[in-house]
N, C-alpha and C. Protein backbone atom coordinates (compact mmCIF):
# COMPACT_ATOMS: atom_id res chain seq x y z
N LEU A 1 -3.63 -8.71 1.50
CA LEU A 1 -3.06 -7.81 0.83
C LEU A 1 -2.67 -6.42 1.67
N PHE A 2 -1.63 -5.96 1.41
CA PHE A 2 -1.28 -4.67 2.29
C PHE A 2 -1.73 -4.93 3.51
N GLN A 3 -2.56 -4.17 4.15
CA GLN A 3 -3.01 -4.40 5.62
C GLN A 3 -4.34 -3.92 5.68
N GLN A 4 -5.12 -4.14 4.73
CA GLN A 4 -6.51 -3.89 4.55
C GLN A 4 -7.25 -4.75 5.46
N ARG A 5 -8.37 -4.13 6.19
CA ARG A 5 -9.37 -5.01 7.05
C ARG A 5 -10.62 -4.73 6.76
N PRO A 6 -11.60 -5.54 6.66
CA PRO A 6 -12.93 -5.02 6.47
C PRO A 6 -13.25 -4.11 7.72
N THR A 7 -12.88 -4.50 8.79
CA THR A 7 -13.21 -3.51 9.87
C THR A 7 -12.73 -2.28 9.96
N SER A 8 -11.82 -1.90 9.18
CA SER A 8 -11.20 -0.55 8.90
C SER A 8 -11.88 -0.04 7.67
N GLY A 9 -12.97 -0.65 7.05
CA GLY A 9 -13.71 -0.03 5.78
C GLY A 9 -12.99 -0.02 4.56
N TRP A 10 -12.07 -0.98 4.62
CA TRP A 10 -11.62 -1.20 3.10
C TRP A 10 -12.33 -2.06 2.12
N GLY A 11 -13.40 -2.63 2.57
CA GLY A 11 -13.89 -3.47 1.70
C GLY A 11 -14.50 -4.82 2.41
N THR A 12 -14.98 -5.72 1.77
CA THR A 12 -15.23 -6.98 2.34
C THR A 12 -14.01 -8.02 1.92
N VAL A 13 -14.11 -9.10 2.54
CA VAL A 13 -13.13 -10.02 2.80
C VAL A 13 -12.78 -10.37 1.27
N GLU A 14 -13.74 -10.69 0.62
CA GLU A 14 -13.73 -11.13 -0.87
C GLU A 14 -13.05 -9.88 -1.62
N GLN A 15 -13.30 -8.91 -1.27
CA GLN A 15 -12.45 -7.66 -2.10
C GLN A 15 -11.20 -7.10 -1.68
N ILE A 16 -11.04 -7.31 -0.59
CA ILE A 16 -9.58 -6.86 0.11
C ILE A 16 -8.68 -8.28 -0.24
N THR A 17 -9.22 -9.33 -0.60
CA THR A 17 -8.13 -10.30 -0.94
C THR A 17 -7.96 -10.25 -2.34
N ASP A 18 -8.68 -9.63 -3.26
CA ASP A 18 -8.51 -9.51 -4.62
C ASP A 18 -7.39 -8.28 -5.10
N PRO A 19 -6.28 -8.89 -5.53
CA PRO A 19 -5.10 -7.77 -5.64
C PRO A 19 -5.34 -6.60 -6.53
N GLU A 20 -6.31 -6.78 -7.38
CA GLU A 20 -6.67 -5.44 -8.17
C GLU A 20 -7.44 -4.57 -7.43
N TYR A 21 -8.32 -5.14 -6.69
CA TYR A 21 -9.25 -4.32 -5.68
C TYR A 21 -8.11 -3.48 -4.60
N SER A 22 -7.58 -4.40 -4.05
CA SER A 22 -6.74 -3.93 -2.92
C SER A 22 -5.74 -2.62 -3.32
N THR A 23 -5.14 -3.10 -4.58
CA THR A 23 -4.23 -1.97 -5.20
C THR A 23 -4.90 -0.71 -5.42
N LEU A 24 -6.04 -0.82 -6.16
CA LEU A 24 -6.66 0.31 -6.40
C LEU A 24 -7.22 1.08 -5.18
N ALA A 25 -7.71 0.41 -4.16
CA ALA A 25 -8.16 0.99 -2.83
C ALA A 25 -6.85 1.80 -1.98
N PHE A 26 -5.76 1.04 -2.26
CA PHE A 26 -4.54 1.67 -1.64
C PHE A 26 -4.03 3.02 -2.46
N LEU A 27 -3.98 2.78 -3.75
CA LEU A 27 -3.76 3.98 -4.57
C LEU A 27 -4.56 5.13 -4.31
N LYS A 28 -6.11 4.80 -4.35
CA LYS A 28 -6.94 5.68 -4.05
C LYS A 28 -6.80 6.52 -2.69
N GLY A 29 -6.40 5.79 -1.90
CA GLY A 29 -6.03 6.58 -0.30
C GLY A 29 -4.76 7.07 -0.40
N LEU A 30 -3.67 6.86 -1.25
CA LEU A 30 -2.45 7.52 -1.31
C LEU A 30 -2.91 8.72 -1.88
N LYS A 31 -3.74 9.00 -2.73
CA LYS A 31 -3.76 10.26 -3.66
C LYS A 31 -4.36 11.09 -2.60
N GLN A 32 -4.94 10.89 -1.53
CA GLN A 32 -5.63 11.72 -0.62
C GLN A 32 -4.52 12.03 0.43
N VAL A 33 -3.26 11.68 0.21
CA VAL A 33 -2.37 12.01 1.39
C VAL A 33 -1.58 13.08 0.67
N ASP A 34 -1.62 14.47 1.08
CA ASP A 34 -0.72 15.58 0.48
C ASP A 34 0.63 15.42 0.72
N GLY A 35 1.33 15.58 -0.32
CA GLY A 35 2.83 15.42 -0.13
C GLY A 35 3.45 14.15 -0.30
N TRP A 36 2.46 13.03 -0.70
CA TRP A 36 2.95 11.77 -0.56
C TRP A 36 4.20 11.32 -1.55
N GLN A 37 4.32 11.96 -2.56
CA GLN A 37 5.36 11.73 -3.52
C GLN A 37 6.73 12.13 -2.76
N ASP A 38 6.84 12.88 -1.77
CA ASP A 38 8.04 13.41 -0.94
C ASP A 38 8.43 12.78 0.25
N MET A 39 7.29 11.81 0.67
CA MET A 39 7.57 11.08 1.95
C MET A 39 8.57 9.83 1.46
N PRO A 40 8.87 9.35 2.58
CA PRO A 40 9.54 8.01 2.50
C PRO A 40 8.69 7.13 2.40
N LEU A 41 8.84 6.18 1.58
CA LEU A 41 7.77 4.79 1.08
C LEU A 41 6.93 4.72 2.61
N THR A 42 7.80 4.22 3.54
CA THR A 42 7.26 3.79 4.70
C THR A 42 6.43 4.50 5.35
N VAL A 43 6.64 5.90 5.27
CA VAL A 43 5.87 6.92 5.86
C VAL A 43 4.37 7.12 5.04
N ALA A 44 4.47 7.10 3.70
CA ALA A 44 3.22 7.43 2.87
C ALA A 44 2.40 5.99 3.25
N ALA A 45 3.05 4.74 3.03
CA ALA A 45 2.21 3.63 3.13
C ALA A 45 1.77 3.69 4.52
N GLN A 46 2.26 3.94 5.71
CA GLN A 46 1.92 4.01 7.01
C GLN A 46 0.54 4.97 7.23
N THR A 47 0.82 6.20 6.23
CA THR A 47 -0.24 7.26 6.41
C THR A 47 -1.62 6.58 5.93
N VAL A 48 -1.34 5.88 4.85
CA VAL A 48 -2.54 5.33 4.21
C VAL A 48 -3.18 4.01 5.04
N GLN A 49 -2.40 3.19 5.40
CA GLN A 49 -2.92 2.04 6.08
C GLN A 49 -2.92 2.04 7.53
N VAL A 50 -2.42 2.97 8.18
CA VAL A 50 -2.31 2.98 9.62
C VAL A 50 -2.25 1.39 10.40
N SER A 51 -1.10 1.01 10.05
CA SER A 51 -0.79 -0.26 10.61
C SER A 51 -0.46 0.05 12.07
N ALA A 52 -0.59 -1.40 12.82
CA ALA A 52 -0.08 -1.17 14.35
C ALA A 52 1.41 -1.64 14.36
N TYR A 53 1.94 -1.93 13.13
CA TYR A 53 3.33 -2.09 13.04
C TYR A 53 4.03 -1.57 11.72
N PRO A 54 4.26 -0.16 11.96
CA PRO A 54 4.43 0.77 10.85
C PRO A 54 5.87 0.25 10.16
N ASP A 55 7.02 -0.03 11.07
CA ASP A 55 8.12 -0.42 10.36
C ASP A 55 8.20 -1.45 9.64
N HIS A 56 7.20 -2.32 9.40
CA HIS A 56 7.13 -3.60 8.68
C HIS A 56 7.37 -3.30 7.33
N TYR A 57 6.94 -2.30 6.74
CA TYR A 57 6.81 -1.95 5.37
C TYR A 57 8.37 -1.89 4.90
N ALA A 58 9.23 -1.22 5.72
CA ALA A 58 10.52 -1.05 5.33
C ALA A 58 11.30 -2.28 4.84
N GLN A 59 10.92 -3.51 5.45
CA GLN A 59 11.81 -4.60 4.92
C GLN A 59 11.30 -5.12 3.83
N TRP A 60 10.41 -4.48 3.03
CA TRP A 60 9.81 -4.86 1.60
C TRP A 60 10.29 -3.92 0.55
N GLU A 61 10.76 -3.01 1.09
CA GLU A 61 11.03 -1.62 -0.04
C GLU A 61 11.97 -2.08 -0.99
N GLN A 62 13.14 -2.61 -0.67
CA GLN A 62 13.94 -2.93 -2.08
C GLN A 62 13.55 -4.04 -2.81
N LEU A 63 12.78 -5.13 -2.21
CA LEU A 63 12.27 -6.11 -3.11
C LEU A 63 11.00 -5.31 -4.00
N ALA A 64 10.47 -4.58 -3.69
CA ALA A 64 9.38 -3.95 -4.25
C ALA A 64 9.89 -2.85 -5.44
N ALA A 65 10.83 -2.38 -5.01
CA ALA A 65 11.42 -1.30 -6.07
C ALA A 65 12.23 -2.25 -7.17
N ASP A 66 12.80 -3.51 -6.79
CA ASP A 66 13.35 -4.40 -7.67
C ASP A 66 12.30 -4.99 -8.77
N LEU A 67 11.09 -5.25 -8.33
CA LEU A 67 10.12 -5.85 -9.07
C LEU A 67 9.58 -4.73 -9.69
N VAL A 68 9.39 -3.56 -9.49
CA VAL A 68 8.93 -2.52 -10.35
C VAL A 68 9.80 -2.26 -11.54
N ALA A 69 11.13 -2.27 -11.00
CA ALA A 69 12.06 -1.89 -12.17
C ALA A 69 12.35 -3.19 -13.00
N GLN A 70 11.97 -4.34 -12.62
CA GLN A 70 12.27 -5.52 -13.60
C GLN A 70 10.79 -5.49 -14.67
N HIS A 71 9.81 -5.11 -13.84
CA HIS A 71 8.29 -5.64 -14.78
C HIS A 71 7.80 -4.24 -15.43
N TRP A 72 8.24 -3.04 -14.98
CA TRP A 72 7.45 -1.91 -15.32
C TRP A 72 7.31 -1.78 -16.70
N ASN A 73 8.11 -2.05 -17.56
CA ASN A 73 8.01 -2.03 -18.99
C ASN A 73 7.82 -3.17 -19.71
N SER A 74 7.71 -4.29 -18.84
CA SER A 74 7.42 -5.57 -19.64
C SER A 74 6.24 -5.70 -20.29
């Protein structure tokens, strides 16, 4: 999930493959980024995840927005 790895301190393999744990870990990291609310999604995600491939987030941005819009109040 996301791009979390045990070697980067995100948790154990079991933890980082748990969707709830990974999501909460990402959100905790995001809250520590000053001004994340005003950043482009890909910049905020890269700041938290520090991916070797920062542009890969962008390809999923619209799908993610559509899923949130569809399920947010379900």
